[in-house]
Amino acid sequence: MLKEKAGVIAGKLWETLNGNEGMTQKQIKKATKLVDKDFFLGLGWLLREDKVETSEEDGELFVKLK
């Protein structure tokens, strides 16, 4: 069940990031209405699949599609 949830959340994150140059964690959470736990669950999935890159900008997590 958790694996399915992670995949669904990862899809939501991917759709949110698709078509732009990346977003901060705060921007993504606002756009998707995800709480931290779910955000990081989906982000972990995308990182594991090598679909996203992360960096730190102005002290905040920045995520973009590869």
N, C-alpha and C. Protein backbone atom coordinates (compact mmCIF):
# COMPACT_ATOMS: atom_id res chain seq x y z
N MET A 1 0.82 -1.20 0.00
CA MET A 1 0.00 0.00 0.00
C MET A 1 0.87 1.26 0.00
N LEU A 2 1.90 1.29 0.84
CA LEU A 2 2.77 2.47 0.90
C LEU A 2 3.52 2.64 -0.42
N LYS A 3 3.89 1.54 -1.05
CA LYS A 3 4.58 1.60 -2.33
C LYS A 3 3.69 2.24 -3.39
N GLU A 4 2.42 1.88 -3.40
CA GLU A 4 1.48 2.49 -4.35
C GLU A 4 1.32 3.97 -4.07
N LYS A 5 1.21 4.33 -2.80
CA LYS A 5 1.07 5.74 -2.41
C LYS A 5 2.30 6.53 -2.87
N ALA A 6 3.49 5.97 -2.68
CA ALA A 6 4.72 6.64 -3.09
C ALA A 6 4.72 6.89 -4.59
N GLY A 7 4.27 5.92 -5.35
CA GLY A 7 4.21 6.07 -6.80
C GLY A 7 3.23 7.14 -7.24
N VAL A 8 2.09 7.20 -6.59
CA VAL A 8 1.08 8.22 -6.91
C VAL A 8 1.62 9.61 -6.58
N ILE A 9 2.24 9.75 -5.43
CA ILE A 9 2.80 11.05 -5.03
C ILE A 9 3.94 11.45 -5.97
N ALA A 10 4.78 10.49 -6.33
CA ALA A 10 5.87 10.77 -7.27
C ALA A 10 5.31 11.29 -8.59
N GLY A 11 4.23 10.69 -9.05
CA GLY A 11 3.58 11.16 -10.28
C GLY A 11 3.07 12.58 -10.15
N LYS A 12 2.51 12.89 -9.01
CA LYS A 12 2.01 14.24 -8.77
C LYS A 12 3.17 15.25 -8.77
N LEU A 13 4.28 14.87 -8.14
CA LEU A 13 5.45 15.75 -8.13
C LEU A 13 6.00 15.93 -9.54
N TRP A 14 6.09 14.83 -10.28
CA TRP A 14 6.62 14.90 -11.64
C TRP A 14 5.76 15.82 -12.51
N GLU A 15 4.44 15.67 -12.41
CA GLU A 15 3.54 16.51 -13.19
C GLU A 15 3.70 17.98 -12.81
N THR A 16 3.90 18.26 -11.55
CA THR A 16 4.08 19.63 -11.09
C THR A 16 5.38 20.23 -11.63
N LEU A 17 6.43 19.42 -11.66
CA LEU A 17 7.73 19.91 -12.12
C LEU A 17 7.88 19.93 -13.64
N ASN A 18 7.07 19.15 -14.33
CA ASN A 18 7.17 19.06 -15.78
C ASN A 18 6.83 20.40 -16.43
N GLY A 19 7.70 20.85 -17.32
CA GLY A 19 7.43 22.08 -18.06
C GLY A 19 7.99 23.33 -17.42
N ASN A 20 8.75 23.19 -16.33
CA ASN A 20 9.39 24.38 -15.77
C ASN A 20 10.84 24.05 -15.43
N GLU A 21 11.57 25.05 -15.01
CA GLU A 21 13.00 24.90 -14.74
C GLU A 21 13.29 24.43 -13.32
N GLY A 22 12.27 24.01 -12.60
CA GLY A 22 12.43 23.55 -11.24
C GLY A 22 11.70 24.45 -10.26
N MET A 23 11.55 23.96 -9.05
CA MET A 23 10.81 24.68 -8.01
C MET A 23 11.44 24.40 -6.66
N THR A 24 11.19 25.28 -5.71
CA THR A 24 11.63 25.04 -4.35
C THR A 24 10.65 24.08 -3.67
N GLN A 25 11.09 23.51 -2.57
CA GLN A 25 10.22 22.62 -1.80
C GLN A 25 8.95 23.35 -1.41
N LYS A 26 9.07 24.57 -1.00
CA LYS A 26 7.92 25.36 -0.57
C LYS A 26 6.93 25.55 -1.73
N GLN A 27 7.44 25.86 -2.92
CA GLN A 27 6.58 26.06 -4.09
C GLN A 27 5.87 24.75 -4.47
N ILE A 28 6.60 23.65 -4.43
CA ILE A 28 6.02 22.36 -4.78
C ILE A 28 4.93 21.99 -3.79
N LYS A 29 5.22 22.14 -2.50
CA LYS A 29 4.24 21.79 -1.48
C LYS A 29 2.98 22.65 -1.61
N LYS A 30 3.15 23.92 -1.95
CA LYS A 30 1.99 24.80 -2.13
C LYS A 30 1.16 24.36 -3.34
N ALA A 31 1.85 24.01 -4.42
CA ALA A 31 1.15 23.61 -5.65
C ALA A 31 0.46 22.26 -5.51
N THR A 32 1.05 21.36 -4.72
CA THR A 32 0.50 20.00 -4.63
C THR A 32 -0.31 19.76 -3.36
N LYS A 33 -0.21 20.66 -2.40
CA LYS A 33 -0.90 20.53 -1.11
C LYS A 33 -0.41 19.31 -0.32
N LEU A 34 0.86 18.93 -0.52
CA LEU A 34 1.43 17.79 0.18
C LEU A 34 2.04 18.21 1.52
N VAL A 35 1.95 17.36 2.51
CA VAL A 35 2.65 17.58 3.78
C VAL A 35 4.08 17.06 3.61
N ASP A 36 4.97 17.44 4.53
CA ASP A 36 6.38 17.07 4.43
C ASP A 36 6.59 15.57 4.23
N LYS A 37 5.92 14.77 5.04
CA LYS A 37 6.10 13.31 4.98
C LYS A 37 5.82 12.79 3.57
N ASP A 38 4.71 13.21 2.98
CA ASP A 38 4.35 12.73 1.65
C ASP A 38 5.26 13.33 0.58
N PHE A 39 5.63 14.59 0.74
CA PHE A 39 6.55 15.23 -0.21
C PHE A 39 7.85 14.43 -0.30
N PHE A 40 8.42 14.10 0.85
CA PHE A 40 9.69 13.39 0.86
C PHE A 40 9.55 11.93 0.41
N LEU A 41 8.39 11.34 0.63
CA LEU A 41 8.13 9.99 0.13
C LEU A 41 8.18 9.99 -1.40
N GLY A 42 7.49 10.91 -2.02
CA GLY A 42 7.49 11.02 -3.48
C GLY A 42 8.84 11.45 -4.03
N LEU A 43 9.50 12.37 -3.34
CA LEU A 43 10.82 12.83 -3.79
C LEU A 43 11.82 11.68 -3.75
N GLY A 44 11.76 10.88 -2.70
CA GLY A 44 12.64 9.72 -2.61
C GLY A 44 12.46 8.77 -3.77
N TRP A 45 11.22 8.55 -4.14
CA TRP A 45 10.91 7.68 -5.29
C TRP A 45 11.57 8.24 -6.55
N LEU A 46 11.38 9.54 -6.79
CA LEU A 46 11.93 10.16 -7.99
C LEU A 46 13.45 10.17 -7.97
N LEU A 47 14.05 10.37 -6.80
CA LEU A 47 15.50 10.32 -6.69
C LEU A 47 16.01 8.91 -6.97
N ARG A 48 15.34 7.92 -6.44
CA ARG A 48 15.73 6.53 -6.64
C ARG A 48 15.65 6.15 -8.13
N GLU A 49 14.66 6.67 -8.82
CA GLU A 49 14.48 6.41 -10.25
C GLU A 49 15.36 7.33 -11.12
N ASP A 50 16.14 8.20 -10.48
CA ASP A 50 17.04 9.14 -11.16
C ASP A 50 16.28 10.07 -12.12
N LYS A 51 15.12 10.54 -11.67
CA LYS A 51 14.27 11.42 -12.48
C LYS A 51 14.44 12.90 -12.13
N VAL A 52 15.00 13.19 -10.94
CA VAL A 52 15.13 14.57 -10.50
C VAL A 52 16.54 14.84 -9.99
N GLU A 53 16.87 16.13 -9.95
CA GLU A 53 18.10 16.61 -9.34
C GLU A 53 17.70 17.54 -8.21
N THR A 54 18.44 17.52 -7.14
CA THR A 54 18.17 18.43 -6.03
C THR A 54 19.41 19.27 -5.76
N SER A 55 19.17 20.46 -5.24
CA SER A 55 20.25 21.34 -4.82
C SER A 55 19.70 22.26 -3.74
N GLU A 56 20.58 23.06 -3.18
CA GLU A 56 20.15 24.01 -2.17
C GLU A 56 20.35 25.41 -2.72
N GLU A 57 19.30 26.21 -2.71
CA GLU A 57 19.36 27.59 -3.18
C GLU A 57 18.79 28.49 -2.11
N ASP A 58 19.59 29.42 -1.67
CA ASP A 58 19.19 30.36 -0.61
C ASP A 58 18.68 29.62 0.63
N GLY A 59 19.34 28.52 0.95
CA GLY A 59 18.98 27.76 2.13
C GLY A 59 17.73 26.90 2.01
N GLU A 60 17.21 26.77 0.78
CA GLU A 60 15.99 25.97 0.59
C GLU A 60 16.24 24.89 -0.47
N LEU A 61 15.58 23.76 -0.29
CA LEU A 61 15.70 22.64 -1.22
C LEU A 61 15.08 23.04 -2.57
N PHE A 62 15.83 22.81 -3.65
CA PHE A 62 15.38 23.11 -5.00
C PHE A 62 15.38 21.80 -5.79
N VAL A 63 14.29 21.54 -6.50
CA VAL A 63 14.13 20.27 -7.23
C VAL A 63 13.81 20.58 -8.69
N LYS A 64 14.47 19.84 -9.59
CA LYS A 64 14.13 19.97 -11.02
C LYS A 64 14.24 18.60 -11.66
N LEU A 65 13.50 18.43 -12.74
CA LEU A 65 13.55 17.19 -13.51
C LEU A 65 14.86 17.11 -14.27
N LYS A 66 15.32 15.89 -14.47
CA LYS A 66 16.53 15.68 -15.29
C LYS A 66 16.18 15.70 -16.75
